[in-house]
Every structure is written in C-alpha cells, then in structure tokens.
Amino acid sequence: MRASNCIGRWPLTRRWVLGALLIVSTVAGAQTGGDLRVGYVNPGRVSDEAPQADAARRQLQEEFAPRDAEILSMQESLRALEDRLAEQRLSLSAEAQQDLQREIVNNRRRIQRQQEAFREDFNMRRNEALGDLQQRILRVVSEFAEEQGFDLVVSDGVVYASDTINITDRIIERLQRQYEQQRSSE
C-alpha cells in the first residue's frame, strides 16, 4: 500500500497535525539551517509527579475534610434511626413508626443534598486547582524551552518520543526546585 493511500485513511485531525508538523519542521529547518530542536513532555506524568500537584491534593483534602466528616456523621445518625426503627418496630405505635419513617426519609434527602453540594463544590475547586497547575506547568515548559533553545515542544497526541527528546524529567525537576524555593520562602 502506498503511503498516500494510508494517509488518506487517517482521521482529519491526524492529517492536520501531520501537516502542521511538516510545515513547522520545514519552516524551522529553513530558518535554522536544518537544526530543529524538538522536545516532548508527558503532561500526565508531570501532573502526577509535580510536588505542586501533591500540595493541591492535600489542600483540597484539608479544605473538604470537615464537610466530609459532617456527611459521615449525618449518615451514622441515619443508620441509628434505621436501627431504632428496626428494633422497636413492634413496640412503637403506628403514628410513632410513621414519624420515625418520615424522619428517616427527610434525613436521607438532606444527606443526598449535602453529598451533591459537596461533589459540586469539590469538583469546582479541583478543576480550579488543576487549571492553576496546568498553567504553571505550561509556563515552566515555555521558560525551559526558551532557555534550552527548543524550537518545538509537543505533549498530547504523541505516539512515540525517544528519550533524547523527552524533557519530562527535567520539567518535573524544575517544578520540584520551584516548589522547594516557594516553601523555603514561606
């Protein structure tokens, strides 16, 4: 099968990416006399291993721990009411059983509302923290690339990157140094 036939079957986005890379490499090669310096960063690994990510996770945990504990306490109270109803079902009057069942239903609803609000707030704060982290990572990658003379740094959508162009470890090291400097200045 000829290469042109194979490329014709690729999804449109892959063809655009391939075309853009070819154009960039051609233009950069013409401008630099053929010495194109390309780097690759694994964004998932950087996000997992950067100390700023751990700090953000710890901060979220600390911020939401009291609300989580409150929900757990509400669930324990609900279980106690359910146990009371089960144990005293035969000895309670019909009206007392209905009152207890109503209280159980109301508590379940209250817990569900609290859990939904908790999830929404947690997801919103997590997304904010991840957005901040991603912005920091992008800034560090850009600064690093400029300082080290890279012409192009790619991340997502890369099928293969050799160790010679993989700068992920160096980006993580830089983020660790920045984190340590920030912590020592606090």
C-alpha atoms as a PDB file:
ATOM      1  CA  MET A   1       0.000   0.000   0.000  1.00  0.00           C
ATOM      2  CA  ARG A   2       1.375   3.404  -0.875  1.00  0.00           C
ATOM      3  CA  ALA A   3       1.919   5.991   1.861  1.00  0.00           C
ATOM      4  CA  SER A   4      -0.525   8.433   0.290  1.00  0.00           C
ATOM      5  CA  ASN A   5      -3.307   5.832   0.465  1.00  0.00           C
ATOM      6  CA  CYS A   6      -2.528   5.145   4.120  1.00  0.00           C
ATOM      7  CA  ILE A   7      -2.552   8.857   4.999  1.00  0.00           C
ATOM      8  CA  GLY A   8      -5.837   9.324   3.155  1.00  0.00           C
ATOM      9  CA  ARG A   9      -7.495   6.933   5.596  1.00  0.00           C
ATOM     10  CA  TRP A  10      -6.320   8.810   8.699  1.00  0.00           C
ATOM     11  CA  PRO A  11      -8.890  10.920  10.541  1.00  0.00           C
ATOM     12  CA  LEU A  12      -8.917  14.561   9.520  1.00  0.00           C
ATOM     13  CA  THR A  13      -7.355  15.740  12.818  1.00  0.00           C
ATOM     14  CA  ARG A  14      -4.359  13.443  12.373  1.00  0.00           C
ATOM     15  CA  ARG A  15      -3.852  14.747   8.866  1.00  0.00           C
ATOM     16  CA  TRP A  16      -3.989  18.323  10.153  1.00  0.00           C
ATOM     17  CA  VAL A  17      -1.469  17.533  12.897  1.00  0.00           C
ATOM     18  CA  LEU A  18       0.820  15.753  10.445  1.00  0.00           C
ATOM     19  CA  GLY A  19       0.559  18.641   8.001  1.00  0.00           C
ATOM     20  CA  ALA A  20       1.203  21.221  10.719  1.00  0.00           C
ATOM     21  CA  LEU A  21       4.243  19.313  11.950  1.00  0.00           C
ATOM     22  CA  LEU A  22       5.608  19.031   8.435  1.00  0.00           C
ATOM     23  CA  ILE A  23       5.114  22.750   7.843  1.00  0.00           C
ATOM     24  CA  VAL A  24       6.673  23.674  11.180  1.00  0.00           C
ATOM     25  CA  SER A  25       9.640  21.383  10.597  1.00  0.00           C
ATOM     26  CA  THR A  26      10.117  22.679   7.057  1.00  0.00           C
ATOM     27  CA  VAL A  27       9.922  26.341   8.093  1.00  0.00           C
ATOM     28  CA  ALA A  28      12.073  25.819  11.158  1.00  0.00           C
ATOM     29  CA  GLY A  29      14.562  23.762   9.168  1.00  0.00           C
ATOM     30  CA  ALA A  30      14.834  26.507   6.587  1.00  0.00           C
ATOM     31  CA  GLN A  31      15.282  29.162   9.264  1.00  0.00           C
ATOM     32  CA  THR A  32      17.835  27.284  11.354  1.00  0.00           C
ATOM     33  CA  GLY A  33      19.749  25.588   8.613  1.00  0.00           C
ATOM     34  CA  GLY A  34      18.244  22.186   9.445  1.00  0.00           C
ATOM     35  CA  ASP A  35      18.922  22.123  13.204  1.00  0.00           C
ATOM     36  CA  LEU A  36      15.414  21.771  14.556  1.00  0.00           C
ATOM     37  CA  ARG A  37      15.349  21.090  18.293  1.00  0.00           C
ATOM     38  CA  VAL A  38      12.218  19.234  19.388  1.00  0.00           C
ATOM     39  CA  GLY A  39      11.214  18.193  22.880  1.00  0.00           C
ATOM     40  CA  TYR A  40       8.430  16.069  24.296  1.00  0.00           C
ATOM     41  CA  VAL A  41       6.667  16.421  27.654  1.00  0.00           C
ATOM     42  CA  ASN A  42       4.373  13.797  29.145  1.00  0.00           C
ATOM     43  CA  PRO A  43       1.718  16.034  30.769  1.00  0.00           C
ATOM     44  CA  GLY A  44       0.087  13.219  32.732  1.00  0.00           C
ATOM     45  CA  ARG A  45       3.346  12.247  34.369  1.00  0.00           C
ATOM     46  CA  VAL A  46       4.237  15.857  35.140  1.00  0.00           C
ATOM     47  CA  SER A  47       0.804  16.387  36.725  1.00  0.00           C
ATOM     48  CA  ASP A  48       1.186  13.214  38.782  1.00  0.00           C
ATOM     49  CA  GLU A  49       4.761  13.760  39.925  1.00  0.00           C
ATOM     50  CA  ALA A  50       4.978  17.525  40.411  1.00  0.00           C
ATOM     51  CA  PRO A  51       5.046  18.409  44.115  1.00  0.00           C
ATOM     52  CA  GLN A  52       2.599  21.229  43.389  1.00  0.00           C
ATOM     53  CA  ALA A  53       0.035  18.557  42.445  1.00  0.00           C
ATOM     54  CA  ASP A  54       0.518  16.798  45.785  1.00  0.00           C
ATOM     55  CA  ALA A  55       0.219  20.115  47.610  1.00  0.00           C
ATOM     56  CA  ALA A  56      -3.010  20.918  45.741  1.00  0.00           C
ATOM     57  CA  ARG A  57      -4.423  17.494  46.611  1.00  0.00           C
ATOM     58  CA  ARG A  58      -3.506  17.946  50.290  1.00  0.00           C
ATOM     59  CA  GLN A  59      -5.035  21.419  50.331  1.00  0.00           C
ATOM     60  CA  LEU A  60      -8.279  20.115  48.822  1.00  0.00           C
ATOM     61  CA  GLN A  61      -8.330  17.283  51.355  1.00  0.00           C
ATOM     62  CA  GLU A  62      -7.880  19.709  54.240  1.00  0.00           C
ATOM     63  CA  GLU A  63     -10.465  22.119  52.840  1.00  0.00           C
ATOM     64  CA  PHE A  64     -13.154  19.475  52.355  1.00  0.00           C
ATOM     65  CA  ALA A  65     -12.405  17.140  55.290  1.00  0.00           C
ATOM     66  CA  PRO A  66     -14.786  18.938  57.712  1.00  0.00           C
ATOM     67  CA  ARG A  67     -17.695  18.715  55.279  1.00  0.00           C
ATOM     68  CA  ASP A  68     -16.903  15.061  54.583  1.00  0.00           C
ATOM     69  CA  ALA A  69     -16.861  14.361  58.317  1.00  0.00           C
ATOM     70  CA  GLU A  70     -20.205  16.146  58.695  1.00  0.00           C
ATOM     71  CA  ILE A  71     -21.762  13.956  55.990  1.00  0.00           C
ATOM     72  CA  LEU A  72     -20.362  10.828  57.653  1.00  0.00           C
ATOM     73  CA  SER A  73     -21.850  11.949  60.959  1.00  0.00           C
ATOM     74  CA  MET A  74     -25.217  12.507  59.290  1.00  0.00           C
ATOM     75  CA  GLN A  75     -25.039   9.013  57.778  1.00  0.00           C
ATOM     76  CA  GLU A  76     -24.264   7.493  61.184  1.00  0.00           C
ATOM     77  CA  SER A  77     -27.265   9.293  62.685  1.00  0.00           C
ATOM     78  CA  LEU A  78     -29.426   7.966  59.867  1.00  0.00           C
ATOM     79  CA  ARG A  79     -28.207   4.413  60.491  1.00  0.00           C
ATOM     80  CA  ALA A  80     -29.000   4.832  64.177  1.00  0.00           C
ATOM     81  CA  LEU A  81     -32.546   5.901  63.320  1.00  0.00           C
ATOM     82  CA  GLU A  82     -32.941   2.960  60.920  1.00  0.00           C
ATOM     83  CA  ASP A  83     -31.650   0.570  63.580  1.00  0.00           C
ATOM     84  CA  ARG A  84     -34.026   2.075  66.139  1.00  0.00           C
ATOM     85  CA  LEU A  85     -36.967   1.605  63.757  1.00  0.00           C
ATOM     86  CA  ALA A  86     -35.963  -1.996  63.065  1.00  0.00           C
ATOM     87  CA  GLU A  87     -35.503  -2.818  66.750  1.00  0.00           C
ATOM     88  CA  GLN A  88     -38.599  -1.061  68.064  1.00  0.00           C
ATOM     89  CA  ARG A  89     -40.944  -1.696  65.144  1.00  0.00           C
ATOM     90  CA  LEU A  90     -43.187  -3.998  67.154  1.00  0.00           C
ATOM     91  CA  SER A  91     -43.247  -1.834  70.274  1.00  0.00           C
ATOM     92  CA  LEU A  92     -43.891   1.534  68.564  1.00  0.00           C
ATOM     93  CA  SER A  93     -47.343   2.797  67.790  1.00  0.00           C
ATOM     94  CA  ALA A  94     -48.302   3.228  64.137  1.00  0.00           C
ATOM     95  CA  GLU A  95     -48.063   7.000  64.498  1.00  0.00           C
ATOM     96  CA  ALA A  96     -44.594   6.797  66.093  1.00  0.00           C
ATOM     97  CA  GLN A  97     -43.456   4.449  63.308  1.00  0.00           C
ATOM     98  CA  GLN A  98     -44.692   6.894  60.664  1.00  0.00           C
ATOM     99  CA  ASP A  99     -42.961   9.800  62.399  1.00  0.00           C
ATOM    100  CA  LEU A 100     -39.722   7.846  62.571  1.00  0.00           C
ATOM    101  CA  GLN A 101     -40.016   6.774  58.921  1.00  0.00           C
ATOM    102  CA  ARG A 102     -40.665  10.408  57.903  1.00  0.00           C
ATOM    103  CA  GLU A 103     -37.600  11.496  59.833  1.00  0.00           C
ATOM    104  CA  ILE A 104     -35.530   8.791  58.116  1.00  0.00           C
ATOM    105  CA  VAL A 105     -36.752   9.874  54.660  1.00  0.00           C
ATOM    106  CA  ASN A 106     -36.070  13.549  55.437  1.00  0.00           C
ATOM    107  CA  ASN A 107     -32.573  12.717  56.709  1.00  0.00           C
ATOM    108  CA  ARG A 108     -31.831  10.692  53.560  1.00  0.00           C
ATOM    109  CA  ARG A 109     -32.871  13.640  51.401  1.00  0.00           C
ATOM    110  CA  ARG A 110     -30.790  16.042  53.474  1.00  0.00           C
ATOM    111  CA  ILE A 111     -27.760  13.741  53.155  1.00  0.00           C
ATOM    112  CA  GLN A 112     -28.246  13.427  49.394  1.00  0.00           C
ATOM    113  CA  ARG A 113     -28.423  17.219  49.043  1.00  0.00           C
ATOM    114  CA  GLN A 114     -25.293  17.608  51.165  1.00  0.00           C
ATOM    115  CA  GLN A 115     -23.462  14.975  49.107  1.00  0.00           C
ATOM    116  CA  GLU A 116     -24.453  16.621  45.820  1.00  0.00           C
ATOM    117  CA  ALA A 117     -23.375  20.057  47.041  1.00  0.00           C
ATOM    118  CA  PHE A 118     -20.133  18.534  48.346  1.00  0.00           C
ATOM    119  CA  ARG A 119     -19.387  16.854  44.988  1.00  0.00           C
ATOM    120  CA  GLU A 120     -20.169  20.004  43.013  1.00  0.00           C
ATOM    121  CA  ASP A 121     -18.039  22.222  45.250  1.00  0.00           C
ATOM    122  CA  PHE A 122     -15.211  19.693  45.357  1.00  0.00           C
ATOM    123  CA  ASN A 123     -15.203  19.254  41.575  1.00  0.00           C
ATOM    124  CA  MET A 124     -15.254  23.008  41.028  1.00  0.00           C
ATOM    125  CA  ARG A 125     -12.308  23.569  43.402  1.00  0.00           C
ATOM    126  CA  ARG A 126     -10.420  20.586  41.974  1.00  0.00           C
ATOM    127  CA  ASN A 127     -10.864  21.946  38.453  1.00  0.00           C
ATOM    128  CA  GLU A 128      -9.632  25.364  39.608  1.00  0.00           C
ATOM    129  CA  ALA A 129      -6.576  23.779  41.237  1.00  0.00           C
ATOM    130  CA  LEU A 130      -5.869  21.632  38.159  1.00  0.00           C
ATOM    131  CA  GLY A 131      -6.233  24.667  35.911  1.00  0.00           C
ATOM    132  CA  ASP A 132      -3.749  26.597  38.045  1.00  0.00           C
ATOM    133  CA  LEU A 133      -1.360  23.640  37.995  1.00  0.00           C
ATOM    134  CA  GLN A 134      -1.654  23.274  34.221  1.00  0.00           C
ATOM    135  CA  GLN A 135      -0.942  26.986  33.755  1.00  0.00           C
ATOM    136  CA  ARG A 136       2.141  26.683  35.965  1.00  0.00           C
ATOM    137  CA  ILE A 137       3.343  23.630  34.044  1.00  0.00           C
ATOM    138  CA  LEU A 138       2.855  25.403  30.709  1.00  0.00           C
ATOM    139  CA  ARG A 139       4.814  28.409  31.997  1.00  0.00           C
ATOM    140  CA  VAL A 140       7.664  26.171  33.193  1.00  0.00           C
ATOM    141  CA  VAL A 141       7.751  24.257  29.905  1.00  0.00           C
ATOM    142  CA  SER A 142       7.798  27.502  27.908  1.00  0.00           C
ATOM    143  CA  GLU A 143      10.543  29.019  30.051  1.00  0.00           C
ATOM    144  CA  PHE A 144      12.569  25.824  29.897  1.00  0.00           C
ATOM    145  CA  ALA A 145      12.160  25.536  26.132  1.00  0.00           C
ATOM    146  CA  GLU A 146      13.279  29.122  25.579  1.00  0.00           C
ATOM    147  CA  GLU A 147      16.251  28.785  27.933  1.00  0.00           C
ATOM    148  CA  GLN A 148      17.364  25.496  26.368  1.00  0.00           C
ATOM    149  CA  GLY A 149      16.836  26.613  22.763  1.00  0.00           C
ATOM    150  CA  PHE A 150      13.969  24.296  21.787  1.00  0.00           C
ATOM    151  CA  ASP A 151      12.104  25.143  18.606  1.00  0.00           C
ATOM    152  CA  LEU A 152       9.111  22.920  19.339  1.00  0.00           C
ATOM    153  CA  VAL A 153       7.792  21.102  22.410  1.00  0.00           C
ATOM    154  CA  VAL A 154       4.891  18.684  21.988  1.00  0.00           C
ATOM    155  CA  SER A 155       2.789  16.814  24.521  1.00  0.00           C
ATOM    156  CA  ASP A 156      -0.613  15.194  23.976  1.00  0.00           C
ATOM    157  CA  GLY A 157      -1.240  13.023  20.957  1.00  0.00           C
ATOM    158  CA  VAL A 158       2.339  11.786  20.646  1.00  0.00           C
ATOM    159  CA  VAL A 159       2.564   8.120  19.773  1.00  0.00           C
ATOM    160  CA  TYR A 160       6.295   7.818  20.349  1.00  0.00           C
ATOM    161  CA  ALA A 161       9.038  10.054  21.688  1.00  0.00           C
ATOM    162  CA  SER A 162      12.609   8.896  22.163  1.00  0.00           C
ATOM    163  CA  ASP A 163      14.442   9.549  25.406  1.00  0.00           C
ATOM    164  CA  THR A 164      16.667  12.050  23.616  1.00  0.00           C
ATOM    165  CA  ILE A 165      13.791  14.482  23.122  1.00  0.00           C
ATOM    166  CA  ASN A 166      11.771  13.582  26.241  1.00  0.00           C
ATOM    167  CA  ILE A 167      12.212  16.504  28.650  1.00  0.00           C
ATOM    168  CA  THR A 168       9.570  15.364  31.148  1.00  0.00           C
ATOM    169  CA  ASP A 169      12.086  14.540  33.906  1.00  0.00           C
ATOM    170  CA  ARG A 170      13.747  17.920  33.543  1.00  0.00           C
ATOM    171  CA  ILE A 171      10.390  19.707  33.772  1.00  0.00           C
ATOM    172  CA  ILE A 172       9.490  17.747  36.913  1.00  0.00           C
ATOM    173  CA  GLU A 173      12.884  18.584  38.432  1.00  0.00           C
ATOM    174  CA  ARG A 174      12.350  22.280  37.705  1.00  0.00           C
ATOM    175  CA  LEU A 175       8.873  22.182  39.261  1.00  0.00           C
ATOM    176  CA  GLN A 176      10.354  20.464  42.334  1.00  0.00           C
ATOM    177  CA  ARG A 177      13.010  23.174  42.670  1.00  0.00           C
ATOM    178  CA  GLN A 178      10.381  25.900  42.348  1.00  0.00           C
ATOM    179  CA  TYR A 179       8.216  24.181  44.948  1.00  0.00           C
ATOM    180  CA  GLU A 180      11.132  23.878  47.384  1.00  0.00           C
ATOM    181  CA  GLN A 181      12.066  27.534  46.851  1.00  0.00           C
ATOM    182  CA  GLN A 182       8.491  28.594  47.439  1.00  0.00           C
ATOM    183  CA  ARG A 183       8.242  26.519  50.625  1.00  0.00           C
ATOM    184  CA  SER A 184      11.543  27.836  51.989  1.00  0.00           C
ATOM    185  CA  SER A 185      10.461  31.446  51.415  1.00  0.00           C
ATOM    186  CA  GLU A 186       7.171  30.973  53.324  1.00  0.00           C
END
